[in-house]
C-alpha atoms as a PDB file:
ATOM      1  CA  GLY A   1      61.458  -3.504  63.807  1.00  0.00           C
ATOM      2  CA  ARG A   2      59.986  -0.271  65.549  1.00  0.00           C
ATOM      3  CA  GLN A   3      62.148   1.900  67.427  1.00  0.00           C
ATOM      4  CA  GLY A   4      60.209   4.937  69.073  1.00  0.00           C
ATOM      5  CA  ASP A   5      58.829   5.846  66.032  1.00  0.00           C
ATOM      6  CA  ASP A   6      61.457   4.857  63.191  1.00  0.00           C
ATOM      7  CA  TYR A   7      61.810   1.308  61.829  1.00  0.00           C
ATOM      8  CA  ASN A   8      64.872   0.079  62.758  1.00  0.00           C
ATOM      9  CA  PRO A   9      66.374  -3.597  61.500  1.00  0.00           C
ATOM     10  CA  GLU A  10      68.575  -4.019  64.428  1.00  0.00           C
ATOM     11  CA  ALA A  11      65.573  -3.634  66.930  1.00  0.00           C
ATOM     12  CA  ALA A  12      64.993  -5.940  69.749  1.00  0.00           C
ATOM     13  CA  PHE A  13      62.391  -7.487  68.096  1.00  0.00           C
ATOM     14  CA  PHE A  14      64.643  -9.061  65.152  1.00  0.00           C
ATOM     15  CA  LYS A  15      67.784  -9.597  67.462  1.00  0.00           C
ATOM     16  CA  ALA A  16      65.390 -11.629  69.438  1.00  0.00           C
ATOM     17  CA  VAL A  17      63.680 -13.811  66.522  1.00  0.00           C
ATOM     18  CA  ALA A  18      67.621 -14.583  65.226  1.00  0.00           C
ATOM     19  CA  GLN A  19      68.212 -15.782  68.825  1.00  0.00           C
ATOM     20  CA  ASP A  20      65.660 -18.098  68.995  1.00  0.00           C
ATOM     21  CA  PRO A  21      66.384 -21.569  67.891  1.00  0.00           C
ATOM     22  CA  ILE A  22      63.127 -22.566  66.197  1.00  0.00           C
ATOM     23  CA  LEU A  23      62.815 -18.856  64.861  1.00  0.00           C
ATOM     24  CA  ARG A  24      65.876 -18.544  62.875  1.00  0.00           C
ATOM     25  CA  GLU A  25      65.861 -21.806  61.548  1.00  0.00           C
ATOM     26  CA  THR A  26      62.084 -20.864  59.965  1.00  0.00           C
ATOM     27  CA  LYS A  27      61.340 -18.818  56.759  1.00  0.00           C
ATOM     28  CA  LEU A  28      60.051 -15.327  57.591  1.00  0.00           C
ATOM     29  CA  ILE A  29      58.498 -13.664  55.048  1.00  0.00           C
ATOM     30  CA  ALA A  30      57.791 -10.008  55.729  1.00  0.00           C
ATOM     31  CA  GLU A  31      55.303  -7.242  54.198  1.00  0.00           C
ATOM     32  CA  PRO A  32      57.691  -4.654  54.567  1.00  0.00           C
ATOM     33  CA  TRP A  33      55.644  -1.749  54.831  1.00  0.00           C
ATOM     34  CA  ASP A  34      54.049  -0.183  57.786  1.00  0.00           C
ATOM     35  CA  ILE A  35      52.045   3.070  59.318  1.00  0.00           C
ATOM     36  CA  GLY A  36      53.869   5.871  60.201  1.00  0.00           C
ATOM     37  CA  PRO A  37      57.015   7.587  59.531  1.00  0.00           C
ATOM     38  CA  ASN A  38      59.350   5.845  57.110  1.00  0.00           C
ATOM     39  CA  GLY A  39      56.744   2.821  57.313  1.00  0.00           C
ATOM     40  CA  TYR A  40      57.713   1.465  54.116  1.00  0.00           C
ATOM     41  CA  GLN A  41      60.828  -0.652  54.076  1.00  0.00           C
ATOM     42  CA  VAL A  42      61.118  -2.947  50.829  1.00  0.00           C
ATOM     43  CA  GLY A  43      64.811  -4.432  50.874  1.00  0.00           C
ATOM     44  CA  ASN A  44      65.786  -3.119  54.313  1.00  0.00           C
ATOM     45  CA  PHE A  45      64.767  -6.048  56.341  1.00  0.00           C
ATOM     46  CA  PRO A  46      67.632  -7.948  58.210  1.00  0.00           C
ATOM     47  CA  PHE A  47      69.041 -11.068  56.946  1.00  0.00           C
ATOM     48  CA  GLY A  48      67.266 -14.352  56.944  1.00  0.00           C
ATOM     49  CA  TRP A  49      63.677 -12.351  56.325  1.00  0.00           C
ATOM     50  CA  ASN A  50      62.011 -12.850  52.687  1.00  0.00           C
ATOM     51  CA  GLU A  51      59.875  -9.876  51.249  1.00  0.00           C
ATOM     52  CA  CYS A  52      57.249  -9.306  49.672  1.00  0.00           C
ATOM     53  CA  ASN A  53      57.844  -7.363  46.876  1.00  0.00           C
ATOM     54  CA  ASP A  54      54.689  -4.676  45.630  1.00  0.00           C
ATOM     55  CA  LYS A  55      56.817  -3.620  43.220  1.00  0.00           C
ATOM     56  CA  LEU A  56      56.739  -6.940  41.148  1.00  0.00           C
ATOM     57  CA  ARG A  57      52.814  -6.651  41.876  1.00  0.00           C
ATOM     58  CA  ASP A  58      52.656  -3.339  40.710  1.00  0.00           C
ATOM     59  CA  ILE A  59      54.647  -3.500  37.822  1.00  0.00           C
ATOM     60  CA  SER A  60      52.962  -6.826  36.473  1.00  0.00           C
ATOM     61  CA  ARG A  61      49.303  -5.509  37.229  1.00  0.00           C
ATOM     62  CA  SER A  62      50.530  -2.642  34.507  1.00  0.00           C
ATOM     63  CA  PHE A  63      52.474  -4.996  32.211  1.00  0.00           C
ATOM     64  CA  TRP A  64      49.319  -7.774  31.879  1.00  0.00           C
ATOM     65  CA  ARG A  65      46.684  -4.434  31.788  1.00  0.00           C
ATOM     66  CA  GLY A  66      48.778  -3.726  28.394  1.00  0.00           C
ATOM     67  CA  ASP A  67      50.137  -0.179  29.519  1.00  0.00           C
ATOM     68  CA  GLN A  68      52.978   1.026  27.846  1.00  0.00           C
ATOM     69  CA  GLY A  69      56.683   2.047  28.937  1.00  0.00           C
ATOM     70  CA  TYR A  70      57.126  -1.134  31.507  1.00  0.00           C
ATOM     71  CA  LEU A  71      59.057  -3.673  29.606  1.00  0.00           C
ATOM     72  CA  LYS A  72      62.306  -2.968  31.285  1.00  0.00           C
ATOM     73  CA  GLU A  73      60.936  -2.448  34.709  1.00  0.00           C
ATOM     74  CA  PHE A  74      59.277  -5.544  34.335  1.00  0.00           C
ATOM     75  CA  ALA A  75      62.050  -7.470  33.624  1.00  0.00           C
ATOM     76  CA  THR A  76      64.048  -6.431  36.294  1.00  0.00           C
ATOM     77  CA  ARG A  77      61.282  -7.024  38.720  1.00  0.00           C
ATOM     78  CA  LEU A  78      60.879 -11.068  37.133  1.00  0.00           C
ATOM     79  CA  MET A  79      64.628 -11.507  37.534  1.00  0.00           C
ATOM     80  CA  GLY A  80      64.530 -10.479  40.917  1.00  0.00           C
ATOM     81  CA  SER A  81      64.404  -7.077  41.377  1.00  0.00           C
ATOM     82  CA  ARG A  82      68.199  -6.472  42.234  1.00  0.00           C
ATOM     83  CA  ASP A  83      68.237  -2.657  42.654  1.00  0.00           C
ATOM     84  CA  ILE A  84      66.382  -3.812  45.635  1.00  0.00           C
ATOM     85  CA  TYR A  85      67.381  -7.416  46.659  1.00  0.00           C
ATOM     86  CA  SER A  86      71.677  -7.841  45.977  1.00  0.00           C
ATOM     87  CA  ALA A  87      72.740 -11.036  44.083  1.00  0.00           C
ATOM     88  CA  ALA A  88      75.318 -11.056  46.842  1.00  0.00           C
ATOM     89  CA  ASN A  89      72.944 -11.476  49.769  1.00  0.00           C
ATOM     90  CA  TRP A  90      71.514 -14.679  48.097  1.00  0.00           C
ATOM     91  CA  PRO A  91      69.664 -16.817  49.776  1.00  0.00           C
ATOM     92  CA  TYR A  92      69.884 -14.986  52.733  1.00  0.00           C
ATOM     93  CA  LYS A  93      67.668 -12.231  51.471  1.00  0.00           C
ATOM     94  CA  LEU A  94      65.182 -12.717  48.913  1.00  0.00           C
ATOM     95  CA  THR A  95      62.277 -11.072  47.117  1.00  0.00           C
ATOM     96  CA  VAL A  96      58.812 -13.190  47.476  1.00  0.00           C
ATOM     97  CA  ASN A  97      56.948 -12.204  44.141  1.00  0.00           C
ATOM     98  CA  TYR A  98      53.315 -12.187  44.114  1.00  0.00           C
ATOM     99  CA  ILE A  99      50.262 -10.850  41.963  1.00  0.00           C
ATOM    100  CA  THR A 100      47.707 -11.304  44.536  1.00  0.00           C
ATOM    101  CA  TYR A 101      48.062 -12.017  48.109  1.00  0.00           C
ATOM    102  CA  HIS A 102      45.788 -12.544  51.128  1.00  0.00           C
ATOM    103  CA  ASP A 103      44.362  -9.207  51.084  1.00  0.00           C
ATOM    104  CA  GLY A 104      43.678  -6.973  48.203  1.00  0.00           C
ATOM    105  CA  PHE A 105      42.237  -7.826  44.945  1.00  0.00           C
ATOM    106  CA  THR A 106      42.021 -11.609  43.784  1.00  0.00           C
ATOM    107  CA  LEU A 107      43.400 -12.534  39.975  1.00  0.00           C
ATOM    108  CA  GLN A 108      39.198 -12.433  39.304  1.00  0.00           C
ATOM    109  CA  ASP A 109      38.802  -8.771  40.783  1.00  0.00           C
ATOM    110  CA  LEU A 110      41.695  -7.697  38.627  1.00  0.00           C
ATOM    111  CA  VAL A 111      40.148  -8.192  35.544  1.00  0.00           C
ATOM    112  CA  SER A 112      36.243  -7.829  36.532  1.00  0.00           C
ATOM    113  CA  TYR A 113      36.914  -4.464  38.812  1.00  0.00           C
ATOM    114  CA  LYS A 114      38.451  -0.917  37.703  1.00  0.00           C
ATOM    115  CA  HIS A 115      37.670   0.134  41.214  1.00  0.00           C
ATOM    116  CA  LYS A 116      37.669  -0.805  45.133  1.00  0.00           C
ATOM    117  CA  HIS A 117      34.154  -1.598  46.357  1.00  0.00           C
ATOM    118  CA  ASN A 118      34.452  -1.784  50.452  1.00  0.00           C
ATOM    119  CA  GLU A 119      31.135  -0.337  50.838  1.00  0.00           C
ATOM    120  CA  ALA A 120      29.556  -3.314  53.171  1.00  0.00           C
ATOM    121  CA  ASN A 121      32.586  -3.242  55.510  1.00  0.00           C
ATOM    122  CA  GLY A 122      31.613   0.137  57.033  1.00  0.00           C
ATOM    123  CA  GLU A 123      34.650   1.811  56.225  1.00  0.00           C
ATOM    124  CA  GLU A 124      33.177   3.606  53.570  1.00  0.00           C
ATOM    125  CA  ASN A 125      35.588   2.265  50.632  1.00  0.00           C
ATOM    126  CA  ARG A 126      38.381   4.310  52.331  1.00  0.00           C
ATOM    127  CA  ASP A 127      40.472   1.146  53.507  1.00  0.00           C
ATOM    128  CA  GLY A 128      42.479  -1.422  51.003  1.00  0.00           C
ATOM    129  CA  HIS A 129      44.673  -0.191  48.670  1.00  0.00           C
ATOM    130  CA  GLY A 130      43.602   2.721  45.961  1.00  0.00           C
ATOM    131  CA  ASP A 131      45.830   1.370  43.023  1.00  0.00           C
ATOM    132  CA  ASN A 132      44.985  -2.090  42.071  1.00  0.00           C
ATOM    133  CA  ARG A 133      45.809  -1.099  38.437  1.00  0.00           C
ATOM    134  CA  SER A 134      42.853  -3.603  37.220  1.00  0.00           C
ATOM    135  CA  GLU A 135      40.694  -3.034  34.536  1.00  0.00           C
ATOM    136  CA  ASN A 136      36.957  -4.443  34.008  1.00  0.00           C
ATOM    137  CA  TYR A 137      37.153  -4.937  29.945  1.00  0.00           C
ATOM    138  CA  GLY A 138      33.765  -3.024  29.635  1.00  0.00           C
ATOM    139  CA  VAL A 139      31.458  -3.849  32.800  1.00  0.00           C
ATOM    140  CA  GLU A 140      31.863  -3.135  36.355  1.00  0.00           C
ATOM    141  CA  GLY A 141      31.778  -6.718  38.504  1.00  0.00           C
ATOM    142  CA  GLU A 142      30.462 -10.030  37.161  1.00  0.00           C
ATOM    143  CA  THR A 143      28.404  -9.958  33.671  1.00  0.00           C
ATOM    144  CA  GLU A 144      27.094 -12.356  31.057  1.00  0.00           C
ATOM    145  CA  ASN A 145      28.514 -10.592  28.179  1.00  0.00           C
ATOM    146  CA  ILE A 146      30.476 -13.180  26.550  1.00  0.00           C
ATOM    147  CA  MET A 147      32.614 -11.175  25.001  1.00  0.00           C
ATOM    148  CA  ILE A 148      33.624  -9.630  28.105  1.00  0.00           C
ATOM    149  CA  ILE A 149      34.295 -13.468  29.830  1.00  0.00           C
ATOM    150  CA  ALA A 150      36.245 -14.538  27.030  1.00  0.00           C
ATOM    151  CA  THR A 151      38.342 -11.525  27.391  1.00  0.00           C
ATOM    152  CA  ARG A 152      38.930 -11.455  31.085  1.00  0.00           C
ATOM    153  CA  GLU A 153      39.860 -15.414  30.813  1.00  0.00           C
END
């Protein structure tokens, strides 16, 4: 819901969805980030919308990778990110927890690449999320090293 240059949870788009007899009964999932001013809107979509929780994605990847100091935040995210999604709003406003999604690194990529490699698509590796919190465990990409394969599995 953009209104001019700003995000607005009361925008006409959201009102139209809420009034539509089919859409208002449909589970709706938002990726709550957009380009432009105030594009990052995690926790700010209207009732009836579930939101992808990139905070859980990132902290889970850090925790799995073995980064130190993330246990408390990992627990907060795993328990539903109540600092963002109030229990009082359940079940009308929920988080969608995920580690990978339709875009970005796959689970295999997370344990095979330390850096993104989007060179082939003509964007000179500028596209895609840069903070993947991944680890290659000694070799960037595919390997036949059985020790690295065992670690990745």
